[in-house]
């Protein structure tokens, strides 16, 4: 079986795979005064719904639940995606 090195953003089961294309939308929620922290928190939950539950995702969701403001929430998501792009894993390649 052949393997290929990919980062976690490429892995379709990763919560960061779902977050990465939606960072601009989360930035909009962060900057727009119409939305409060709970609205943004609900949007993050909606985005990552259906991703494979791992220890990292559980930790991420706990941080999301306990975050105090929109700025911190946006940067938690942003930094999670940035870190996932740097984390390389071996995945099997379909022939």
PDB file of N, CA and C in Angstrom:
ATOM      1  N   UNK A   1       0.846  -1.179   0.000  1.00  0.00           N
ATOM      2  CA  UNK A   1       0.000   0.000   0.000  1.00  0.00           C
ATOM      3  C   UNK A   1       0.892   1.243   0.000  1.00  0.00           C
ATOM      4  N   UNK A   2       0.613   2.140  -0.912  1.00  0.00           N
ATOM      5  CA  UNK A   2       1.376   3.377  -0.990  1.00  0.00           C
ATOM      6  C   UNK A   2       0.785   4.410  -0.049  1.00  0.00           C
ATOM      7  N   UNK A   3       1.665   5.269   0.465  1.00  0.00           N
ATOM      8  CA  UNK A   3       1.206   6.357   1.320  1.00  0.00           C
ATOM      9  C   UNK A   3       1.676   7.684   0.764  1.00  0.00           C
ATOM     10  N   UNK A   4       1.034   8.719   1.207  1.00  0.00           N
ATOM     11  CA  UNK A   4       1.363  10.060   0.767  1.00  0.00           C
ATOM     12  C   UNK A   4       1.349  10.976   1.987  1.00  0.00           C
ATOM     13  N   UNK A   5       2.283  11.915   2.041  1.00  0.00           N
ATOM     14  CA  UNK A   5       2.311  12.867   3.145  1.00  0.00           C
ATOM     15  C   UNK A   5       1.373  14.023   2.838  1.00  0.00           C
ATOM     16  N   UNK A   6       0.436  14.260   3.748  1.00  0.00           N
ATOM     17  CA  UNK A   6      -0.520  15.359   3.609  1.00  0.00           C
ATOM     18  C   UNK A   6      -0.657  16.061   4.957  1.00  0.00           C
ATOM     19  N   UNK A   7      -1.175  17.285   4.932  1.00  0.00           N
ATOM     20  CA  UNK A   7      -1.425  17.961   6.203  1.00  0.00           C
ATOM     21  C   UNK A   7      -2.871  17.721   6.629  1.00  0.00           C
ATOM     22  N   UNK A   8      -3.197  18.085   7.853  1.00  0.00           N
ATOM     23  CA  UNK A   8      -4.527  17.806   8.395  1.00  0.00           C
ATOM     24  C   UNK A   8      -5.636  18.607   7.721  1.00  0.00           C
ATOM     25  N   UNK A   9      -5.320  19.705   7.059  1.00  0.00           N
ATOM     26  CA  UNK A   9      -6.353  20.469   6.354  1.00  0.00           C
ATOM     27  C   UNK A   9      -6.835  19.690   5.139  1.00  0.00           C
ATOM     28  N   UNK A  10      -5.965  18.902   4.544  1.00  0.00           N
ATOM     29  CA  UNK A  10      -6.326  18.093   3.376  1.00  0.00           C
ATOM     30  C   UNK A  10      -7.171  16.879   3.783  1.00  0.00           C
ATOM     31  N   UNK A  11      -6.966  16.368   4.983  1.00  0.00           N
ATOM     32  CA  UNK A  11      -7.713  15.194   5.460  1.00  0.00           C
ATOM     33  C   UNK A  11      -9.188  15.547   5.634  1.00  0.00           C
ATOM     34  N   UNK A  12     -10.039  14.910   4.874  1.00  0.00           N
ATOM     35  CA  UNK A  12     -11.456  15.257   4.838  1.00  0.00           C
ATOM     36  C   UNK A  12     -12.187  15.005   6.148  1.00  0.00           C
ATOM     37  N   UNK A  13     -11.663  14.130   6.995  1.00  0.00           N
ATOM     38  CA  UNK A  13     -12.330  13.839   8.260  1.00  0.00           C
ATOM     39  C   UNK A  13     -11.949  14.828   9.362  1.00  0.00           C
ATOM     40  N   UNK A  14     -10.999  15.696   9.098  1.00  0.00           N
ATOM     41  CA  UNK A  14     -10.500  16.647  10.095  1.00  0.00           C
ATOM     42  C   UNK A  14     -11.427  17.853  10.244  1.00  0.00           C
ATOM     43  N   UNK A  15     -11.569  18.337  11.461  1.00  0.00           N
ATOM     44  CA  UNK A  15     -12.374  19.543  11.678  1.00  0.00           C
ATOM     45  C   UNK A  15     -11.721  20.761  11.036  1.00  0.00           C
ATOM     46  N   UNK A  16     -10.401  20.758  10.918  1.00  0.00           N
ATOM     47  CA  UNK A  16      -9.698  21.877  10.268  1.00  0.00           C
ATOM     48  C   UNK A  16      -9.960  21.901   8.763  1.00  0.00           C
ATOM     49  N   UNK A  17     -10.236  20.740   8.180  1.00  0.00           N
ATOM     50  CA  UNK A  17     -10.608  20.683   6.762  1.00  0.00           C
ATOM     51  C   UNK A  17     -11.911  21.463   6.540  1.00  0.00           C
ATOM     52  N   UNK A  18     -12.794  21.419   7.513  1.00  0.00           N
ATOM     53  CA  UNK A  18     -14.066  22.134   7.411  1.00  0.00           C
ATOM     54  C   UNK A  18     -13.917  23.612   7.765  1.00  0.00           C
ATOM     55  N   UNK A  19     -13.002  23.911   8.685  1.00  0.00           N
ATOM     56  CA  UNK A  19     -12.810  25.299   9.116  1.00  0.00           C
ATOM     57  C   UNK A  19     -12.065  26.155   8.092  1.00  0.00           C
ATOM     58  N   UNK A  20     -11.072  25.584   7.435  1.00  0.00           N
ATOM     59  CA  UNK A  20     -10.176  26.353   6.563  1.00  0.00           C
ATOM     60  C   UNK A  20     -10.911  27.189   5.512  1.00  0.00           C
ATOM     61  N   UNK A  21     -11.836  26.633   4.739  1.00  0.00           N
ATOM     62  CA  UNK A  21     -12.491  27.467   3.719  1.00  0.00           C
ATOM     63  C   UNK A  21     -13.488  28.472   4.294  1.00  0.00           C
ATOM     64  N   UNK A  22     -13.803  28.359   5.584  1.00  0.00           N
ATOM     65  CA  UNK A  22     -14.808  29.236   6.192  1.00  0.00           C
ATOM     66  C   UNK A  22     -14.200  30.308   7.095  1.00  0.00           C
ATOM     67  N   UNK A  23     -12.869  30.450   7.089  1.00  0.00           N
ATOM     68  CA  UNK A  23     -12.228  31.445   7.946  1.00  0.00           C
ATOM     69  C   UNK A  23     -12.672  32.869   7.610  1.00  0.00           C
ATOM     70  N   UNK A  24     -12.885  33.166   6.332  1.00  0.00           N
ATOM     71  CA  UNK A  24     -13.347  34.507   5.956  1.00  0.00           C
ATOM     72  C   UNK A  24     -14.732  34.780   6.522  1.00  0.00           C
ATOM     73  N   UNK A  25     -15.576  33.781   6.526  1.00  0.00           N
ATOM     74  CA  UNK A  25     -16.908  33.943   7.101  1.00  0.00           C
ATOM     75  C   UNK A  25     -16.806  34.178   8.610  1.00  0.00           C
ATOM     76  N   UNK A  26     -15.931  33.453   9.280  1.00  0.00           N
ATOM     77  CA  UNK A  26     -15.743  33.649  10.717  1.00  0.00           C
ATOM     78  C   UNK A  26     -15.155  35.027  11.008  1.00  0.00           C
ATOM     79  N   UNK A  27     -14.294  35.501  10.125  1.00  0.00           N
ATOM     80  CA  UNK A  27     -13.738  36.841  10.273  1.00  0.00           C
ATOM     81  C   UNK A  27     -14.857  37.883  10.171  1.00  0.00           C
ATOM     82  N   UNK A  28     -15.795  37.668   9.263  1.00  0.00           N
ATOM     83  CA  UNK A  28     -16.950  38.551   9.128  1.00  0.00           C
ATOM     84  C   UNK A  28     -17.762  38.572  10.418  1.00  0.00           C
ATOM     85  N   UNK A  29     -18.005  37.400  11.007  1.00  0.00           N
ATOM     86  CA  UNK A  29     -18.731  37.317  12.277  1.00  0.00           C
ATOM     87  C   UNK A  29     -17.978  38.070  13.366  1.00  0.00           C
ATOM     88  N   UNK A  30     -16.655  37.922  13.376  1.00  0.00           N
ATOM     89  CA  UNK A  30     -15.812  38.576  14.376  1.00  0.00           C
ATOM     90  C   UNK A  30     -15.899  40.099  14.259  1.00  0.00           C
ATOM     91  N   UNK A  31     -15.856  40.637  13.066  1.00  0.00           N
ATOM     92  CA  UNK A  31     -15.833  42.085  12.856  1.00  0.00           C
ATOM     93  C   UNK A  31     -17.218  42.736  12.919  1.00  0.00           C
ATOM     94  N   UNK A  32     -18.270  41.994  12.626  1.00  0.00           N
ATOM     95  CA  UNK A  32     -19.608  42.556  12.557  1.00  0.00           C
ATOM     96  C   UNK A  32     -20.228  42.646  13.958  1.00  0.00           C
ATOM     97  N   UNK A  33     -20.625  43.836  14.348  1.00  0.00           N
ATOM     98  CA  UNK A  33     -21.195  44.057  15.682  1.00  0.00           C
ATOM     99  C   UNK A  33     -22.583  43.437  15.843  1.00  0.00           C
ATOM    100  N   UNK A  34     -23.206  43.066  14.740  1.00  0.00           N
ATOM    101  CA  UNK A  34     -24.535  42.460  14.772  1.00  0.00           C
ATOM    102  C   UNK A  34     -24.509  41.077  15.436  1.00  0.00           C
ATOM    103  N   UNK A  35     -23.366  40.410  15.380  1.00  0.00           N
ATOM    104  CA  UNK A  35     -23.246  39.055  15.923  1.00  0.00           C
ATOM    105  C   UNK A  35     -22.512  39.086  17.252  1.00  0.00           C
ATOM    106  N   UNK A  36     -23.012  38.320  18.208  1.00  0.00           N
ATOM    107  CA  UNK A  36     -22.316  38.226  19.495  1.00  0.00           C
ATOM    108  C   UNK A  36     -21.479  36.949  19.550  1.00  0.00           C
ATOM    109  N   UNK A  37     -20.824  36.732  20.666  1.00  0.00           N
ATOM    110  CA  UNK A  37     -19.928  35.581  20.804  1.00  0.00           C
ATOM    111  C   UNK A  37     -20.686  34.267  20.660  1.00  0.00           C
ATOM    112  N   UNK A  38     -21.890  34.205  21.210  1.00  0.00           N
ATOM    113  CA  UNK A  38     -22.673  32.970  21.114  1.00  0.00           C
ATOM    114  C   UNK A  38     -23.063  32.657  19.672  1.00  0.00           C
ATOM    115  N   UNK A  39     -23.407  33.674  18.896  1.00  0.00           N
ATOM    116  CA  UNK A  39     -23.723  33.462  17.474  1.00  0.00           C
ATOM    117  C   UNK A  39     -22.520  32.874  16.749  1.00  0.00           C
ATOM    118  N   UNK A  40     -21.358  33.421  17.029  1.00  0.00           N
ATOM    119  CA  UNK A  40     -20.132  32.948  16.372  1.00  0.00           C
ATOM    120  C   UNK A  40     -19.792  31.533  16.835  1.00  0.00           C
ATOM    121  N   UNK A  41     -19.980  31.269  18.116  1.00  0.00           N
ATOM    122  CA  UNK A  41     -19.742  29.932  18.664  1.00  0.00           C
ATOM    123  C   UNK A  41     -20.640  28.913  17.968  1.00  0.00           C
ATOM    124  N   UNK A  42     -21.921  29.262  17.796  1.00  0.00           N
ATOM    125  CA  UNK A  42     -22.860  28.367  17.112  1.00  0.00           C
ATOM    126  C   UNK A  42     -22.441  28.118  15.667  1.00  0.00           C
ATOM    127  N   UNK A  43     -21.918  29.138  15.003  1.00  0.00           N
ATOM    128  CA  UNK A  43     -21.448  28.993  13.625  1.00  0.00           C
ATOM    129  C   UNK A  43     -20.260  28.018  13.567  1.00  0.00           C
ATOM    130  N   UNK A  44     -19.347  28.123  14.521  1.00  0.00           N
ATOM    131  CA  UNK A  44     -18.202  27.202  14.568  1.00  0.00           C
ATOM    132  C   UNK A  44     -18.691  25.771  14.771  1.00  0.00           C
ATOM    133  N   UNK A  45     -19.633  25.570  15.691  1.00  0.00           N
ATOM    134  CA  UNK A  45     -20.190  24.231  15.915  1.00  0.00           C
ATOM    135  C   UNK A  45     -20.841  23.688  14.640  1.00  0.00           C
ATOM    136  N   UNK A  46     -21.558  24.546  13.938  1.00  0.00           N
ATOM    137  CA  UNK A  46     -22.212  24.151  12.689  1.00  0.00           C
ATOM    138  C   UNK A  46     -21.186  23.745  11.633  1.00  0.00           C
ATOM    139  N   UNK A  47     -20.100  24.494  11.547  1.00  0.00           N
ATOM    140  CA  UNK A  47     -19.063  24.220  10.543  1.00  0.00           C
ATOM    141  C   UNK A  47     -18.384  22.881  10.795  1.00  0.00           C
ATOM    142  N   UNK A  48     -18.030  22.597  12.052  1.00  0.00           N
ATOM    143  CA  UNK A  48     -17.247  21.382  12.339  1.00  0.00           C
ATOM    144  C   UNK A  48     -18.128  20.150  12.540  1.00  0.00           C
ATOM    145  N   UNK A  49     -19.423  20.324  12.515  1.00  0.00           N
ATOM    146  CA  UNK A  49     -20.329  19.198  12.687  1.00  0.00           C
ATOM    147  C   UNK A  49     -20.083  18.142  11.615  1.00  0.00           C
ATOM    148  N   UNK A  50     -19.989  16.891  12.042  1.00  0.00           N
ATOM    149  CA  UNK A  50     -19.774  15.791  11.108  1.00  0.00           C
ATOM    150  C   UNK A  50     -18.321  15.386  10.950  1.00  0.00           C
ATOM    151  N   UNK A  51     -17.399  16.171  11.498  1.00  0.00           N
ATOM    152  CA  UNK A  51     -15.982  15.794  11.442  1.00  0.00           C
ATOM    153  C   UNK A  51     -15.736  14.658  12.431  1.00  0.00           C
ATOM    154  N   UNK A  52     -14.707  13.869  12.166  1.00  0.00           N
ATOM    155  CA  UNK A  52     -14.359  12.764  13.045  1.00  0.00           C
ATOM    156  C   UNK A  52     -13.912  13.294  14.401  1.00  0.00           C
ATOM    157  N   UNK A  53     -14.524  12.770  15.455  1.00  0.00           N
ATOM    158  CA  UNK A  53     -14.206  13.214  16.805  1.00  0.00           C
ATOM    159  C   UNK A  53     -12.884  12.602  17.257  1.00  0.00           C
ATOM    160  N   UNK A  54     -11.912  13.460  17.538  1.00  0.00           N
ATOM    161  CA  UNK A  54     -10.602  13.033  18.026  1.00  0.00           C
ATOM    162  C   UNK A  54     -10.309  13.778  19.319  1.00  0.00           C
ATOM    163  N   UNK A  55      -9.185  13.450  19.953  1.00  0.00           N
ATOM    164  CA  UNK A  55      -8.793  14.168  21.168  1.00  0.00           C
ATOM    165  C   UNK A  55      -8.570  15.648  20.882  1.00  0.00           C
ATOM    166  N   UNK A  56      -7.939  15.940  19.732  1.00  0.00           N
ATOM    167  CA  UNK A  56      -7.687  17.338  19.374  1.00  0.00           C
ATOM    168  C   UNK A  56      -8.995  18.087  19.147  1.00  0.00           C
ATOM    169  N   UNK A  57      -9.940  17.437  18.499  1.00  0.00           N
ATOM    170  CA  UNK A  57     -11.220  18.094  18.249  1.00  0.00           C
ATOM    171  C   UNK A  57     -11.966  18.314  19.566  1.00  0.00           C
ATOM    172  N   UNK A  58     -11.910  17.350  20.479  1.00  0.00           N
ATOM    173  CA  UNK A  58     -12.552  17.512  21.788  1.00  0.00           C
ATOM    174  C   UNK A  58     -11.959  18.685  22.545  1.00  0.00           C
ATOM    175  N   UNK A  59     -10.648  18.798  22.506  1.00  0.00           N
ATOM    176  CA  UNK A  59      -9.969  19.923  23.146  1.00  0.00           C
ATOM    177  C   UNK A  59     -10.388  21.233  22.503  1.00  0.00           C
ATOM    178  N   UNK A  60     -10.437  21.245  21.169  1.00  0.00           N
ATOM    179  CA  UNK A  60     -10.863  22.434  20.436  1.00  0.00           C
ATOM    180  C   UNK A  60     -12.285  22.840  20.833  1.00  0.00           C
ATOM    181  N   UNK A  61     -13.204  21.880  20.876  1.00  0.00           N
ATOM    182  CA  UNK A  61     -14.598  22.180  21.228  1.00  0.00           C
ATOM    183  C   UNK A  61     -14.731  22.684  22.661  1.00  0.00           C
ATOM    184  N   UNK A  62     -13.919  22.141  23.574  1.00  0.00           N
ATOM    185  CA  UNK A  62     -13.922  22.640  24.950  1.00  0.00           C
ATOM    186  C   UNK A  62     -13.448  24.088  25.013  1.00  0.00           C
ATOM    187  N   UNK A  63     -12.420  24.401  24.230  1.00  0.00           N
ATOM    188  CA  UNK A  63     -11.924  25.778  24.188  1.00  0.00           C
ATOM    189  C   UNK A  63     -12.973  26.712  23.592  1.00  0.00           C
ATOM    190  N   UNK A  64     -13.652  26.252  22.538  1.00  0.00           N
ATOM    191  CA  UNK A  64     -14.711  27.055  21.919  1.00  0.00           C
ATOM    192  C   UNK A  64     -15.814  27.343  22.940  1.00  0.00           C
ATOM    193  N   UNK A  65     -16.195  26.340  23.712  1.00  0.00           N
ATOM    194  CA  UNK A  65     -17.273  26.499  24.696  1.00  0.00           C
ATOM    195  C   UNK A  65     -16.905  27.487  25.804  1.00  0.00           C
ATOM    196  N   UNK A  66     -15.620  27.555  26.145  1.00  0.00           N
ATOM    197  CA  UNK A  66     -15.191  28.381  27.270  1.00  0.00           C
ATOM    198  C   UNK A  66     -14.578  29.717  26.870  1.00  0.00           C
ATOM    199  N   UNK A  67     -14.592  30.039  25.599  1.00  0.00           N
ATOM    200  CA  UNK A  67     -13.947  31.268  25.128  1.00  0.00           C
ATOM    201  C   UNK A  67     -14.801  32.483  25.532  1.00  0.00           C
ATOM    202  N   UNK A  68     -14.153  33.595  25.770  1.00  0.00           N
ATOM    203  CA  UNK A  68     -14.854  34.755  26.332  1.00  0.00           C
ATOM    204  C   UNK A  68     -15.292  35.787  25.299  1.00  0.00           C
ATOM    205  N   UNK A  69     -14.590  35.906  24.182  1.00  0.00           N
ATOM    206  CA  UNK A  69     -14.955  36.949  23.226  1.00  0.00           C
ATOM    207  C   UNK A  69     -14.738  36.473  21.791  1.00  0.00           C
ATOM    208  N   UNK A  70     -15.299  37.231  20.857  1.00  0.00           N
ATOM    209  CA  UNK A  70     -15.246  36.851  19.440  1.00  0.00           C
ATOM    210  C   UNK A  70     -13.825  36.874  18.902  1.00  0.00           C
ATOM    211  N   UNK A  71     -13.032  37.818  19.342  1.00  0.00           N
ATOM    212  CA  UNK A  71     -11.647  37.930  18.859  1.00  0.00           C
ATOM    213  C   UNK A  71     -10.874  36.657  19.197  1.00  0.00           C
ATOM    214  N   UNK A  72     -10.964  36.229  20.442  1.00  0.00           N
ATOM    215  CA  UNK A  72     -10.266  35.011  20.867  1.00  0.00           C
ATOM    216  C   UNK A  72     -10.774  33.791  20.116  1.00  0.00           C
ATOM    217  N   UNK A  73     -12.072  33.755  19.866  1.00  0.00           N
ATOM    218  CA  UNK A  73     -12.661  32.628  19.137  1.00  0.00           C
ATOM    219  C   UNK A  73     -12.164  32.586  17.699  1.00  0.00           C
ATOM    220  N   UNK A  74     -12.130  33.739  17.044  1.00  0.00           N
ATOM    221  CA  UNK A  74     -11.627  33.781  15.668  1.00  0.00           C
ATOM    222  C   UNK A  74     -10.175  33.315  15.609  1.00  0.00           C
ATOM    223  N   UNK A  75      -9.348  33.829  16.514  1.00  0.00           N
ATOM    224  CA  UNK A  75      -7.936  33.466  16.469  1.00  0.00           C
ATOM    225  C   UNK A  75      -7.694  32.015  16.897  1.00  0.00           C
ATOM    226  N   UNK A  76      -8.561  31.453  17.717  1.00  0.00           N
ATOM    227  CA  UNK A  76      -8.476  30.020  18.023  1.00  0.00           C
ATOM    228  C   UNK A  76      -8.679  29.213  16.747  1.00  0.00           C
ATOM    229  N   UNK A  77      -9.694  29.566  15.960  1.00  0.00           N
ATOM    230  CA  UNK A  77      -9.968  28.863  14.699  1.00  0.00           C
ATOM    231  C   UNK A  77      -8.841  29.085  13.702  1.00  0.00           C
ATOM    232  N   UNK A  78      -8.405  30.316  13.574  1.00  0.00           N
ATOM    233  CA  UNK A  78      -7.330  30.674  12.639  1.00  0.00           C
ATOM    234  C   UNK A  78      -6.048  29.918  12.981  1.00  0.00           C
ATOM    235  N   UNK A  79      -5.668  29.920  14.244  1.00  0.00           N
ATOM    236  CA  UNK A  79      -4.436  29.255  14.656  1.00  0.00           C
ATOM    237  C   UNK A  79      -4.544  27.734  14.562  1.00  0.00           C
ATOM    238  N   UNK A  80      -5.739  27.197  14.776  1.00  0.00           N
ATOM    239  CA  UNK A  80      -5.942  25.749  14.624  1.00  0.00           C
ATOM    240  C   UNK A  80      -5.701  25.322  13.178  1.00  0.00           C
ATOM    241  N   UNK A  81      -6.221  26.103  12.230  1.00  0.00           N
ATOM    242  CA  UNK A  81      -6.023  25.802  10.811  1.00  0.00           C
ATOM    243  C   UNK A  81      -4.552  25.973  10.438  1.00  0.00           C
ATOM    244  N   UNK A  82      -3.921  27.022  10.935  1.00  0.00           N
ATOM    245  CA  UNK A  82      -2.498  27.256  10.644  1.00  0.00           C
ATOM    246  C   UNK A  82      -1.651  26.088  11.154  1.00  0.00           C
ATOM    247  N   UNK A  83      -1.924  25.634  12.368  1.00  0.00           N
ATOM    248  CA  UNK A  83      -1.188  24.509  12.957  1.00  0.00           C
ATOM    249  C   UNK A  83      -1.457  23.221  12.171  1.00  0.00           C
ATOM    250  N   UNK A  84      -2.697  23.034  11.709  1.00  0.00           N
ATOM    251  CA  UNK A  84      -3.044  21.830  10.937  1.00  0.00           C
ATOM    252  C   UNK A  84      -2.309  21.801   9.605  1.00  0.00           C
ATOM    253  N   UNK A  85      -2.091  22.964   9.003  1.00  0.00           N
ATOM    254  CA  UNK A  85      -1.344  23.020   7.743  1.00  0.00           C
ATOM    255  C   UNK A  85       0.110  22.613   7.944  1.00  0.00           C
ATOM    256  N   UNK A  86       0.628  22.809   9.142  1.00  0.00           N
ATOM    257  CA  UNK A  86       2.022  22.475   9.436  1.00  0.00           C
ATOM    258  C   UNK A  86       2.188  21.027   9.905  1.00  0.00           C
ATOM    259  N   UNK A  87       1.096  20.374  10.280  1.00  0.00           N
ATOM    260  CA  UNK A  87       1.147  19.009  10.788  1.00  0.00           C
ATOM    261  C   UNK A  87       0.988  18.027   9.633  1.00  0.00           C
ATOM    262  N   UNK A  88       2.044  17.333   9.307  1.00  0.00           N
ATOM    263  CA  UNK A  88       2.050  16.412   8.167  1.00  0.00           C
ATOM    264  C   UNK A  88       1.882  14.978   8.674  1.00  0.00           C
ATOM    265  N   UNK A  89       0.987  14.235   8.025  1.00  0.00           N
ATOM    266  CA  UNK A  89       0.719  12.839   8.387  1.00  0.00           C
ATOM    267  C   UNK A  89       0.795  11.962   7.151  1.00  0.00           C
ATOM    268  N   UNK A  90       1.001  10.676   7.351  1.00  0.00           N
ATOM    269  CA  UNK A  90       1.023   9.694   6.257  1.00  0.00           C
ATOM    270  C   UNK A  90      -0.392   9.159   6.054  1.00  0.00           C
ATOM    271  N   UNK A  91      -0.878   9.231   4.843  1.00  0.00           N
ATOM    272  CA  UNK A  91      -2.200   8.710   4.497  1.00  0.00           C
ATOM    273  C   UNK A  91      -2.082   7.743   3.340  1.00  0.00           C
ATOM    274  N   UNK A  92      -2.884   6.648   3.345  1.00  0.00           N
ATOM    275  CA  UNK A  92      -2.857   5.725   2.212  1.00  0.00           C
ATOM    276  C   UNK A  92      -3.401   6.384   0.943  1.00  0.00           C
ATOM    277  N   UNK A  93      -2.834   6.022  -0.184  1.00  0.00           N
ATOM    278  CA  UNK A  93      -3.244   6.562  -1.471  1.00  0.00           C
ATOM    279  C   UNK A  93      -4.071   5.501  -2.186  1.00  0.00           C
ATOM    280  N   UNK A  94      -5.222   5.908  -2.718  1.00  0.00           N
ATOM    281  CA  UNK A  94      -6.045   4.972  -3.486  1.00  0.00           C
ATOM    282  C   UNK A  94      -5.464   4.838  -4.880  1.00  0.00           C
ATOM    283  N   UNK A  95      -5.393   3.618  -5.353  1.00  0.00           N
ATOM    284  CA  UNK A  95      -4.834   3.371  -6.694  1.00  0.00           C
ATOM    285  C   UNK A  95      -5.895   3.393  -7.747  1.00  0.00           C
TER     286      UNK A  95
END
